[in-house]
């Protein structure tokens, strides 16, 4: 039997994020580009530390219980809308990024409003979009670093990528596995209903 989790329909938006900032819970203030609506634009450019501030803030302002999904949970939720992965061109694990880059659909990097991508049968929107979502799963790599002091976390999107916890823009060299995500954002889950 699979555990039931309760998932945000959409990713956290710029407006939702900035409520945290205005309340003193999040150090980072986000801005939108011209013609973007903060109420429907996903909050992006977020490091794992930023996301941790948001989770602490929302849990303090509510009855708690909000968290990031685990990789397995995210993959299960997104499976109905993600395309099947093509057979890799290269079998060497060090060249996984090259296979992904050459075979993968190249999505526009332009940040789009909520509802621009598919909706799962469970009603969860944009899991196949170009905002990759932080998970709570640690990537310790070959170092075997303690997960209590995790150097990188998995983000989920077109594929999994491990991103150092301080990175806000993986396109500038922060992605440690696979081709870099376009945007880093978040969607939160709960184990109990509201």
C-alpha atoms as a PDB file:
ATOM      1  CA  UNK A   1       0.000   0.000   0.000  1.00  0.00           C
ATOM      2  CA  UNK A   2       1.283   3.417  -0.960  1.00  0.00           C
ATOM      3  CA  UNK A   3       1.291   6.308   1.507  1.00  0.00           C
ATOM      4  CA  UNK A   4      -1.073   9.153   0.695  1.00  0.00           C
ATOM      5  CA  UNK A   5       0.388  12.645   0.514  1.00  0.00           C
ATOM      6  CA  UNK A   6      -1.314  15.958  -0.110  1.00  0.00           C
ATOM      7  CA  UNK A   7       0.338  18.014  -2.826  1.00  0.00           C
ATOM      8  CA  UNK A   8       0.097  21.661  -3.895  1.00  0.00           C
ATOM      9  CA  UNK A   9      -1.703  21.902  -7.217  1.00  0.00           C
ATOM     10  CA  UNK A  10       0.821  24.512  -8.412  1.00  0.00           C
ATOM     11  CA  UNK A  11       4.365  25.471  -7.547  1.00  0.00           C
ATOM     12  CA  UNK A  12       4.823  28.227  -4.965  1.00  0.00           C
ATOM     13  CA  UNK A  13       4.373  31.587  -6.735  1.00  0.00           C
ATOM     14  CA  UNK A  14       6.348  34.808  -6.508  1.00  0.00           C
ATOM     15  CA  UNK A  15       3.453  36.421  -4.582  1.00  0.00           C
ATOM     16  CA  UNK A  16       3.342  33.539  -2.077  1.00  0.00           C
ATOM     17  CA  UNK A  17       7.127  33.697  -1.673  1.00  0.00           C
ATOM     18  CA  UNK A  18       7.143  37.447  -1.151  1.00  0.00           C
ATOM     19  CA  UNK A  19       4.608  37.124   1.692  1.00  0.00           C
ATOM     20  CA  UNK A  20       7.318  35.118   3.447  1.00  0.00           C
ATOM     21  CA  UNK A  21       9.853  37.851   2.668  1.00  0.00           C
ATOM     22  CA  UNK A  22       7.533  40.642   3.869  1.00  0.00           C
ATOM     23  CA  UNK A  23       6.941  38.709   7.104  1.00  0.00           C
ATOM     24  CA  UNK A  24      10.701  38.364   7.703  1.00  0.00           C
ATOM     25  CA  UNK A  25      10.789  34.602   7.116  1.00  0.00           C
ATOM     26  CA  UNK A  26      12.636  34.625   3.779  1.00  0.00           C
ATOM     27  CA  UNK A  27      15.722  36.754   3.184  1.00  0.00           C
ATOM     28  CA  UNK A  28      15.338  36.714  -0.606  1.00  0.00           C
ATOM     29  CA  UNK A  29      12.794  39.028  -2.244  1.00  0.00           C
ATOM     30  CA  UNK A  30      11.696  37.943  -5.718  1.00  0.00           C
ATOM     31  CA  UNK A  31      10.754  40.150  -8.647  1.00  0.00           C
ATOM     32  CA  UNK A  32       8.891  39.389 -11.829  1.00  0.00           C
ATOM     33  CA  UNK A  33       9.681  40.613 -15.317  1.00  0.00           C
ATOM     34  CA  UNK A  34       7.448  43.081 -17.090  1.00  0.00           C
ATOM     35  CA  UNK A  35       4.088  41.537 -18.043  1.00  0.00           C
ATOM     36  CA  UNK A  36       4.467  38.672 -15.525  1.00  0.00           C
ATOM     37  CA  UNK A  37       1.850  38.326 -12.794  1.00  0.00           C
ATOM     38  CA  UNK A  38       3.398  37.576  -9.392  1.00  0.00           C
ATOM     39  CA  UNK A  39       0.251  35.628  -8.490  1.00  0.00           C
ATOM     40  CA  UNK A  40       0.720  33.101 -11.312  1.00  0.00           C
ATOM     41  CA  UNK A  41       4.493  33.161 -11.887  1.00  0.00           C
ATOM     42  CA  UNK A  42       6.402  30.350 -10.170  1.00  0.00           C
ATOM     43  CA  UNK A  43       8.950  31.440  -7.575  1.00  0.00           C
ATOM     44  CA  UNK A  44      12.345  30.550  -9.042  1.00  0.00           C
ATOM     45  CA  UNK A  45      16.017  31.250  -8.507  1.00  0.00           C
ATOM     46  CA  UNK A  46      15.806  29.486  -5.157  1.00  0.00           C
ATOM     47  CA  UNK A  47      18.558  27.580  -3.387  1.00  0.00           C
ATOM     48  CA  UNK A  48      17.880  24.749  -0.956  1.00  0.00           C
ATOM     49  CA  UNK A  49      18.662  27.180   1.880  1.00  0.00           C
ATOM     50  CA  UNK A  50      16.048  29.612   0.536  1.00  0.00           C
ATOM     51  CA  UNK A  51      13.486  26.820   0.314  1.00  0.00           C
ATOM     52  CA  UNK A  52      14.302  25.776   3.889  1.00  0.00           C
ATOM     53  CA  UNK A  53      13.498  29.321   5.064  1.00  0.00           C
ATOM     54  CA  UNK A  54      10.130  29.187   3.292  1.00  0.00           C
ATOM     55  CA  UNK A  55       9.281  25.818   4.841  1.00  0.00           C
ATOM     56  CA  UNK A  56      10.199  27.042   8.332  1.00  0.00           C
ATOM     57  CA  UNK A  57       8.065  30.156   7.809  1.00  0.00           C
ATOM     58  CA  UNK A  58       4.967  28.396   6.485  1.00  0.00           C
ATOM     59  CA  UNK A  59       5.172  25.711   9.167  1.00  0.00           C
ATOM     60  CA  UNK A  60       5.447  28.382  11.890  1.00  0.00           C
ATOM     61  CA  UNK A  61       2.402  30.216  10.497  1.00  0.00           C
ATOM     62  CA  UNK A  62       0.244  27.101  10.204  1.00  0.00           C
ATOM     63  CA  UNK A  63      -0.338  23.836  12.001  1.00  0.00           C
ATOM     64  CA  UNK A  64       2.906  22.583  10.432  1.00  0.00           C
ATOM     65  CA  UNK A  65       3.557  19.461   8.454  1.00  0.00           C
ATOM     66  CA  UNK A  66       4.669  21.072   5.186  1.00  0.00           C
ATOM     67  CA  UNK A  67       7.739  19.561   3.569  1.00  0.00           C
ATOM     68  CA  UNK A  68       9.402  18.901   0.237  1.00  0.00           C
ATOM     69  CA  UNK A  69       8.522  15.674  -1.560  1.00  0.00           C
ATOM     70  CA  UNK A  70      10.916  12.750  -1.674  1.00  0.00           C
ATOM     71  CA  UNK A  71      12.295  11.858  -5.108  1.00  0.00           C
ATOM     72  CA  UNK A  72      10.193   8.677  -5.289  1.00  0.00           C
ATOM     73  CA  UNK A  73       7.040  10.634  -4.403  1.00  0.00           C
ATOM     74  CA  UNK A  74       7.770  13.304  -7.008  1.00  0.00           C
ATOM     75  CA  UNK A  75       8.490  10.734  -9.721  1.00  0.00           C
ATOM     76  CA  UNK A  76       5.288   8.834  -8.908  1.00  0.00           C
ATOM     77  CA  UNK A  77       3.214  12.042  -9.099  1.00  0.00           C
ATOM     78  CA  UNK A  78       4.819  13.211 -12.348  1.00  0.00           C
ATOM     79  CA  UNK A  79       4.943   9.857 -14.161  1.00  0.00           C
ATOM     80  CA  UNK A  80       1.655  10.325 -16.061  1.00  0.00           C
ATOM     81  CA  UNK A  81       2.861  13.561 -17.710  1.00  0.00           C
ATOM     82  CA  UNK A  82       6.571  12.956 -18.223  1.00  0.00           C
ATOM     83  CA  UNK A  83       7.660  11.531 -21.588  1.00  0.00           C
ATOM     84  CA  UNK A  84       9.305   8.136 -21.709  1.00  0.00           C
ATOM     85  CA  UNK A  85      13.049   8.413 -21.660  1.00  0.00           C
ATOM     86  CA  UNK A  86      14.710   7.391 -24.942  1.00  0.00           C
ATOM     87  CA  UNK A  87      17.468   4.802 -24.904  1.00  0.00           C
ATOM     88  CA  UNK A  88      20.751   6.603 -24.203  1.00  0.00           C
ATOM     89  CA  UNK A  89      23.309   7.193 -26.932  1.00  0.00           C
ATOM     90  CA  UNK A  90      26.144   6.729 -24.444  1.00  0.00           C
ATOM     91  CA  UNK A  91      26.237   4.031 -21.779  1.00  0.00           C
ATOM     92  CA  UNK A  92      29.154   5.547 -19.860  1.00  0.00           C
ATOM     93  CA  UNK A  93      27.631   7.138 -16.716  1.00  0.00           C
ATOM     94  CA  UNK A  94      29.974  10.101 -17.114  1.00  0.00           C
ATOM     95  CA  UNK A  95      28.260  10.877 -20.434  1.00  0.00           C
ATOM     96  CA  UNK A  96      24.655  10.672 -19.201  1.00  0.00           C
ATOM     97  CA  UNK A  97      24.399  14.441 -19.596  1.00  0.00           C
ATOM     98  CA  UNK A  98      25.338  14.163 -23.291  1.00  0.00           C
ATOM     99  CA  UNK A  99      22.657  11.561 -24.006  1.00  0.00           C
ATOM    100  CA  UNK A 100      20.088  13.656 -22.176  1.00  0.00           C
ATOM    101  CA  UNK A 101      21.104  16.763 -24.080  1.00  0.00           C
ATOM    102  CA  UNK A 102      21.122  15.088 -27.493  1.00  0.00           C
ATOM    103  CA  UNK A 103      17.943  13.038 -27.087  1.00  0.00           C
ATOM    104  CA  UNK A 104      15.858  15.158 -24.780  1.00  0.00           C
ATOM    105  CA  UNK A 105      13.188  17.588 -25.824  1.00  0.00           C
ATOM    106  CA  UNK A 106      14.661  21.058 -25.556  1.00  0.00           C
ATOM    107  CA  UNK A 107      12.056  23.115 -23.724  1.00  0.00           C
ATOM    108  CA  UNK A 108      12.081  26.850 -23.853  1.00  0.00           C
ATOM    109  CA  UNK A 109      13.883  28.376 -20.877  1.00  0.00           C
ATOM    110  CA  UNK A 110      11.280  31.168 -20.740  1.00  0.00           C
ATOM    111  CA  UNK A 111       9.480  31.140 -17.395  1.00  0.00           C
ATOM    112  CA  UNK A 112       5.774  30.560 -18.029  1.00  0.00           C
ATOM    113  CA  UNK A 113       2.767  31.151 -15.769  1.00  0.00           C
ATOM    114  CA  UNK A 114       0.913  28.419 -13.909  1.00  0.00           C
ATOM    115  CA  UNK A 115      -1.073  26.115 -16.163  1.00  0.00           C
ATOM    116  CA  UNK A 116       1.262  26.339 -19.161  1.00  0.00           C
ATOM    117  CA  UNK A 117       2.051  22.632 -19.080  1.00  0.00           C
ATOM    118  CA  UNK A 118       0.165  19.386 -18.459  1.00  0.00           C
ATOM    119  CA  UNK A 119      -2.114  18.460 -15.564  1.00  0.00           C
ATOM    120  CA  UNK A 120      -1.778  14.990 -14.029  1.00  0.00           C
ATOM    121  CA  UNK A 121      -4.847  12.776 -13.509  1.00  0.00           C
ATOM    122  CA  UNK A 122      -4.609  13.799  -9.818  1.00  0.00           C
ATOM    123  CA  UNK A 123      -4.943  17.502 -10.777  1.00  0.00           C
ATOM    124  CA  UNK A 124      -1.323  18.520 -10.185  1.00  0.00           C
ATOM    125  CA  UNK A 125      -0.193  21.129 -12.697  1.00  0.00           C
ATOM    126  CA  UNK A 126       3.100  21.793 -14.522  1.00  0.00           C
ATOM    127  CA  UNK A 127       5.205  18.880 -13.274  1.00  0.00           C
ATOM    128  CA  UNK A 128       6.460  18.546 -16.855  1.00  0.00           C
ATOM    129  CA  UNK A 129       7.341  22.247 -17.093  1.00  0.00           C
ATOM    130  CA  UNK A 130      10.716  23.928 -17.047  1.00  0.00           C
ATOM    131  CA  UNK A 131      10.700  24.710 -13.311  1.00  0.00           C
ATOM    132  CA  UNK A 132      12.561  21.937 -11.532  1.00  0.00           C
ATOM    133  CA  UNK A 133      11.461  21.325  -7.996  1.00  0.00           C
ATOM    134  CA  UNK A 134      13.647  20.747  -4.954  1.00  0.00           C
ATOM    135  CA  UNK A 135      13.176  17.460  -3.124  1.00  0.00           C
ATOM    136  CA  UNK A 136      14.235  16.543   0.388  1.00  0.00           C
ATOM    137  CA  UNK A 137      16.566  13.773  -0.809  1.00  0.00           C
ATOM    138  CA  UNK A 138      20.271  14.299  -0.253  1.00  0.00           C
ATOM    139  CA  UNK A 139      22.908  13.574  -2.890  1.00  0.00           C
ATOM    140  CA  UNK A 140      26.072  12.775  -0.986  1.00  0.00           C
ATOM    141  CA  UNK A 141      27.932  11.479  -4.047  1.00  0.00           C
ATOM    142  CA  UNK A 142      30.925   9.205  -3.822  1.00  0.00           C
ATOM    143  CA  UNK A 143      32.179  11.127  -0.794  1.00  0.00           C
ATOM    144  CA  UNK A 144      29.590   9.419   1.385  1.00  0.00           C
ATOM    145  CA  UNK A 145      29.118  12.701   3.243  1.00  0.00           C
ATOM    146  CA  UNK A 146      26.714  12.646   6.135  1.00  0.00           C
ATOM    147  CA  UNK A 147      23.189  13.544   5.092  1.00  0.00           C
ATOM    148  CA  UNK A 148      22.981  15.736   8.202  1.00  0.00           C
ATOM    149  CA  UNK A 149      25.436  18.020   6.374  1.00  0.00           C
ATOM    150  CA  UNK A 150      24.274  17.379   2.839  1.00  0.00           C
ATOM    151  CA  UNK A 151      26.328  19.026   0.057  1.00  0.00           C
ATOM    152  CA  UNK A 152      23.636  18.720  -2.635  1.00  0.00           C
ATOM    153  CA  UNK A 153      19.997  17.772  -3.033  1.00  0.00           C
ATOM    154  CA  UNK A 154      18.071  16.258  -5.895  1.00  0.00           C
ATOM    155  CA  UNK A 155      15.828  18.452  -7.982  1.00  0.00           C
ATOM    156  CA  UNK A 156      13.180  16.807 -10.135  1.00  0.00           C
ATOM    157  CA  UNK A 157      12.091  17.796 -13.605  1.00  0.00           C
ATOM    158  CA  UNK A 158      12.822  16.348 -17.030  1.00  0.00           C
ATOM    159  CA  UNK A 159      15.302  14.112 -15.219  1.00  0.00           C
ATOM    160  CA  UNK A 160      16.839  14.110 -11.762  1.00  0.00           C
ATOM    161  CA  UNK A 161      19.769  16.391 -11.115  1.00  0.00           C
ATOM    162  CA  UNK A 162      21.857  16.883  -8.005  1.00  0.00           C
ATOM    163  CA  UNK A 163      22.347  20.557  -7.228  1.00  0.00           C
ATOM    164  CA  UNK A 164      24.560  21.998  -4.471  1.00  0.00           C
ATOM    165  CA  UNK A 165      22.450  23.413  -1.658  1.00  0.00           C
ATOM    166  CA  UNK A 166      23.653  27.016  -2.173  1.00  0.00           C
ATOM    167  CA  UNK A 167      22.974  27.209  -5.931  1.00  0.00           C
ATOM    168  CA  UNK A 168      20.129  29.376  -7.216  1.00  0.00           C
ATOM    169  CA  UNK A 169      20.946  29.209 -10.947  1.00  0.00           C
ATOM    170  CA  UNK A 170      22.185  25.788 -12.094  1.00  0.00           C
ATOM    171  CA  UNK A 171      22.757  27.035 -15.653  1.00  0.00           C
ATOM    172  CA  UNK A 172      25.817  28.822 -14.297  1.00  0.00           C
ATOM    173  CA  UNK A 173      27.638  25.643 -13.375  1.00  0.00           C
ATOM    174  CA  UNK A 174      25.762  24.442 -10.305  1.00  0.00           C
ATOM    175  CA  UNK A 175      24.380  21.178 -11.684  1.00  0.00           C
ATOM    176  CA  UNK A 176      26.359  18.109 -10.703  1.00  0.00           C
ATOM    177  CA  UNK A 177      24.390  15.479 -12.653  1.00  0.00           C
ATOM    178  CA  UNK A 178      22.828  15.722 -16.111  1.00  0.00           C
ATOM    179  CA  UNK A 179      21.948  18.784 -18.160  1.00  0.00           C
ATOM    180  CA  UNK A 180      21.180  21.826 -16.017  1.00  0.00           C
ATOM    181  CA  UNK A 181      17.617  22.682 -15.021  1.00  0.00           C
ATOM    182  CA  UNK A 182      16.189  25.915 -16.423  1.00  0.00           C
ATOM    183  CA  UNK A 183      14.708  27.188 -13.138  1.00  0.00           C
ATOM    184  CA  UNK A 184      14.765  26.039  -9.509  1.00  0.00           C
ATOM    185  CA  UNK A 185      11.495  26.306  -7.604  1.00  0.00           C
ATOM    186  CA  UNK A 186       9.389  24.334  -5.159  1.00  0.00           C
ATOM    187  CA  UNK A 187       6.116  22.581  -4.567  1.00  0.00           C
ATOM    188  CA  UNK A 188       5.302  21.542  -1.038  1.00  0.00           C
ATOM    189  CA  UNK A 189       3.466  18.509   0.274  1.00  0.00           C
ATOM    190  CA  UNK A 190       1.888  17.328   3.527  1.00  0.00           C
ATOM    191  CA  UNK A 191       1.255  13.928   5.014  1.00  0.00           C
ATOM    192  CA  UNK A 192      -2.066  15.077   6.505  1.00  0.00           C
ATOM    193  CA  UNK A 193      -4.940  17.043   4.924  1.00  0.00           C
ATOM    194  CA  UNK A 194      -5.571  20.683   5.802  1.00  0.00           C
END
